[in-house]
Amino acid sequence: MNQNNAENTEWSSLSYEEKNRLLFLRQKKTLDMFLERGAISRAQHDKSLHDLIEKMGMAAEGNEDEKRSI
């Protein structure tokens, strides 16, 4: 329970941009796991990632993450 309080305190101290970036990275990780496990196709992954990048305004961030995974 103390760990949960610590996580909440850390989260509340983050700026909007930092929270948005962490949310983006979590969602991207989920998409990557779906692809790795065969739950979605490469085309579905790429389309969803593109939409996520666009809707969250993470164009530069998304491109950096894609370069790291190659």
N, C-alpha and C. Protein backbone atom coordinates (compact mmCIF):
# COMPACT_ATOMS: atom_id res chain seq x y z
N MET A 1 0.81 -1.18 0.00
CA MET A 1 0.00 0.00 0.00
C MET A 1 0.87 1.26 0.00
N ASN A 2 2.00 1.24 0.69
CA ASN A 2 2.91 2.39 0.69
C ASN A 2 3.48 2.64 -0.69
N GLN A 3 3.74 1.57 -1.44
CA GLN A 3 4.26 1.73 -2.79
C GLN A 3 3.23 2.44 -3.66
N ASN A 4 1.96 2.12 -3.50
CA ASN A 4 0.90 2.78 -4.27
C ASN A 4 0.85 4.27 -3.96
N ASN A 5 0.98 4.62 -2.69
CA ASN A 5 1.00 6.04 -2.31
C ASN A 5 2.21 6.75 -2.90
N ALA A 6 3.35 6.08 -2.92
CA ALA A 6 4.56 6.68 -3.49
C ALA A 6 4.38 6.90 -4.98
N GLU A 7 3.78 5.93 -5.68
CA GLU A 7 3.53 6.07 -7.11
C GLU A 7 2.57 7.22 -7.38
N ASN A 8 1.53 7.34 -6.55
CA ASN A 8 0.57 8.44 -6.71
C ASN A 8 1.24 9.79 -6.49
N THR A 9 2.12 9.87 -5.48
CA THR A 9 2.83 11.11 -5.21
C THR A 9 3.74 11.46 -6.38
N GLU A 10 4.47 10.47 -6.90
CA GLU A 10 5.34 10.71 -8.05
C GLU A 10 4.53 11.18 -9.24
N TRP A 11 3.41 10.51 -9.53
CA TRP A 11 2.56 10.85 -10.66
C TRP A 11 2.03 12.27 -10.53
N SER A 12 1.60 12.64 -9.33
CA SER A 12 1.03 13.97 -9.13
C SER A 12 2.08 15.06 -9.27
N SER A 13 3.33 14.72 -9.10
CA SER A 13 4.39 15.73 -9.22
C SER A 13 4.84 15.95 -10.67
N LEU A 14 4.37 15.11 -11.58
CA LEU A 14 4.77 15.24 -12.98
C LEU A 14 3.97 16.32 -13.68
N SER A 15 4.58 16.91 -14.69
CA SER A 15 3.88 17.90 -15.51
C SER A 15 2.93 17.18 -16.46
N TYR A 16 2.05 17.94 -17.07
CA TYR A 16 1.12 17.38 -18.05
C TYR A 16 1.88 16.68 -19.18
N GLU A 17 2.94 17.31 -19.67
CA GLU A 17 3.73 16.75 -20.77
C GLU A 17 4.39 15.43 -20.36
N GLU A 18 4.91 15.39 -19.13
CA GLU A 18 5.54 14.16 -18.65
C GLU A 18 4.52 13.03 -18.49
N LYS A 19 3.35 13.36 -17.96
CA LYS A 19 2.30 12.35 -17.84
C LYS A 19 1.88 11.85 -19.21
N ASN A 20 1.73 12.76 -20.16
CA ASN A 20 1.32 12.40 -21.50
C ASN A 20 2.36 11.49 -22.15
N ARG A 21 3.64 11.81 -21.96
CA ARG A 21 4.71 11.00 -22.53
C ARG A 21 4.71 9.59 -21.93
N LEU A 22 4.54 9.49 -20.61
CA LEU A 22 4.51 8.18 -19.97
C LEU A 22 3.31 7.35 -20.42
N LEU A 23 2.17 8.01 -20.56
CA LEU A 23 0.97 7.32 -21.06
C LEU A 23 1.21 6.82 -22.47
N PHE A 24 1.80 7.65 -23.31
CA PHE A 24 2.12 7.25 -24.68
C PHE A 24 3.02 6.02 -24.69
N LEU A 25 4.08 6.05 -23.88
CA LEU A 25 5.03 4.94 -23.84
C LEU A 25 4.38 3.65 -23.35
N ARG A 26 3.48 3.75 -22.37
CA ARG A 26 2.75 2.57 -21.89
C ARG A 26 1.86 1.99 -22.98
N GLN A 27 1.17 2.87 -23.70
CA GLN A 27 0.27 2.41 -24.75
C GLN A 27 1.06 1.81 -25.91
N LYS A 28 2.21 2.41 -26.22
CA LYS A 28 3.06 1.86 -27.28
C LYS A 28 3.59 0.49 -26.89
N LYS A 29 3.97 0.35 -25.64
CA LYS A 29 4.47 -0.94 -25.15
C LYS A 29 3.38 -2.02 -25.27
N THR A 30 2.15 -1.65 -24.96
CA THR A 30 1.03 -2.59 -25.10
C THR A 30 0.86 -3.01 -26.56
N LEU A 31 0.90 -2.05 -27.47
CA LEU A 31 0.80 -2.38 -28.90
C LEU A 31 1.93 -3.31 -29.31
N ASP A 32 3.16 -3.02 -28.86
CA ASP A 32 4.31 -3.86 -29.19
C ASP A 32 4.13 -5.29 -28.68
N MET A 33 3.59 -5.42 -27.47
CA MET A 33 3.36 -6.76 -26.90
C MET A 33 2.29 -7.51 -27.70
N PHE A 34 1.24 -6.81 -28.12
CA PHE A 34 0.21 -7.45 -28.95
C PHE A 34 0.84 -7.99 -30.23
N LEU A 35 1.71 -7.19 -30.84
CA LEU A 35 2.37 -7.62 -32.08
C LEU A 35 3.27 -8.83 -31.82
N GLU A 36 4.07 -8.77 -30.78
CA GLU A 36 4.98 -9.87 -30.45
C GLU A 36 4.25 -11.18 -30.23
N ARG A 37 3.07 -11.11 -29.64
CA ARG A 37 2.30 -12.31 -29.31
C ARG A 37 1.35 -12.74 -30.42
N GLY A 38 1.36 -12.01 -31.52
CA GLY A 38 0.53 -12.38 -32.67
C GLY A 38 -0.93 -12.00 -32.52
N ALA A 39 -1.25 -11.15 -31.57
CA ALA A 39 -2.64 -10.75 -31.36
C ALA A 39 -3.11 -9.78 -32.44
N ILE A 40 -2.15 -9.03 -33.01
CA ILE A 40 -2.46 -8.12 -34.11
C ILE A 40 -1.39 -8.27 -35.18
N SER A 41 -1.74 -7.87 -36.40
CA SER A 41 -0.78 -7.95 -37.51
C SER A 41 0.13 -6.73 -37.49
N ARG A 42 1.20 -6.78 -38.27
CA ARG A 42 2.12 -5.65 -38.40
C ARG A 42 1.35 -4.42 -38.92
N ALA A 43 0.45 -4.64 -39.88
CA ALA A 43 -0.33 -3.53 -40.44
C ALA A 43 -1.21 -2.89 -39.36
N GLN A 44 -1.85 -3.73 -38.53
CA GLN A 44 -2.69 -3.20 -37.46
C GLN A 44 -1.84 -2.42 -36.44
N HIS A 45 -0.69 -2.97 -36.11
CA HIS A 45 0.24 -2.32 -35.17
C HIS A 45 0.65 -0.95 -35.71
N ASP A 46 1.10 -0.94 -36.97
CA ASP A 46 1.59 0.30 -37.55
C ASP A 46 0.49 1.36 -37.64
N LYS A 47 -0.71 0.95 -38.02
CA LYS A 47 -1.84 1.88 -38.11
C LYS A 47 -2.18 2.43 -36.73
N SER A 48 -2.26 1.55 -35.74
CA SER A 48 -2.59 1.98 -34.38
C SER A 48 -1.51 2.89 -33.81
N LEU A 49 -0.25 2.57 -34.07
CA LEU A 49 0.85 3.40 -33.59
C LEU A 49 0.80 4.77 -34.25
N HIS A 50 0.57 4.79 -35.54
CA HIS A 50 0.46 6.07 -36.26
C HIS A 50 -0.66 6.91 -35.66
N ASP A 51 -1.82 6.30 -35.44
CA ASP A 51 -2.96 7.02 -34.86
C ASP A 51 -2.63 7.53 -33.46
N LEU A 52 -1.96 6.70 -32.66
CA LEU A 52 -1.59 7.08 -31.30
C LEU A 52 -0.63 8.27 -31.32
N ILE A 53 0.36 8.21 -32.17
CA ILE A 53 1.33 9.31 -32.30
C ILE A 53 0.62 10.59 -32.70
N GLU A 54 -0.25 10.48 -33.67
CA GLU A 54 -0.96 11.66 -34.17
C GLU A 54 -1.89 12.26 -33.12
N LYS A 55 -2.68 11.42 -32.48
CA LYS A 55 -3.67 11.92 -31.52
C LYS A 55 -3.04 12.46 -30.25
N MET A 56 -1.89 11.93 -29.87
CA MET A 56 -1.25 12.38 -28.64
C MET A 56 -0.18 13.44 -28.90
N GLY A 57 0.02 13.79 -30.17
CA GLY A 57 1.00 14.80 -30.51
C GLY A 57 2.41 14.39 -30.19
N MET A 58 2.74 13.15 -30.43
CA MET A 58 4.05 12.61 -30.06
C MET A 58 4.89 12.28 -31.29
N ALA A 59 4.81 13.07 -32.33
CA ALA A 59 5.51 12.75 -33.58
C ALA A 59 7.00 12.51 -33.35
N ALA A 60 7.68 13.43 -32.69
CA ALA A 60 9.12 13.28 -32.47
C ALA A 60 9.40 12.10 -31.56
N GLU A 61 8.62 11.97 -30.49
CA GLU A 61 8.80 10.87 -29.53
C GLU A 61 8.58 9.53 -30.20
N GLY A 62 7.54 9.43 -30.99
CA GLY A 62 7.23 8.18 -31.67
C GLY A 62 8.33 7.77 -32.61
N ASN A 63 8.88 8.72 -33.34
CA ASN A 63 9.95 8.42 -34.27
C ASN A 63 11.20 7.96 -33.54
N GLU A 64 11.52 8.57 -32.41
CA GLU A 64 12.67 8.13 -31.62
C GLU A 64 12.51 6.71 -31.15
N ASP A 65 11.31 6.38 -30.64
CA ASP A 65 11.07 5.03 -30.15
C ASP A 65 11.16 4.00 -31.27
N GLU A 66 10.65 4.35 -32.45
CA GLU A 66 10.71 3.41 -33.55
C GLU A 66 12.17 3.17 -33.95
N LYS A 67 13.00 4.20 -33.94
CA LYS A 67 14.42 4.05 -34.30
C LYS A 67 15.11 3.13 -33.31
N ARG A 68 14.79 3.26 -32.02
CA ARG A 68 15.44 2.43 -30.99
C ARG A 68 15.09 0.96 -31.15
N SER A 69 13.87 0.67 -31.60
CA SER A 69 13.44 -0.73 -31.67
C SER A 69 13.94 -1.43 -32.92
N ILE A 70 14.51 -0.68 -33.87
CA ILE A 70 14.99 -1.29 -35.12
C ILE A 70 16.38 -1.83 -34.94
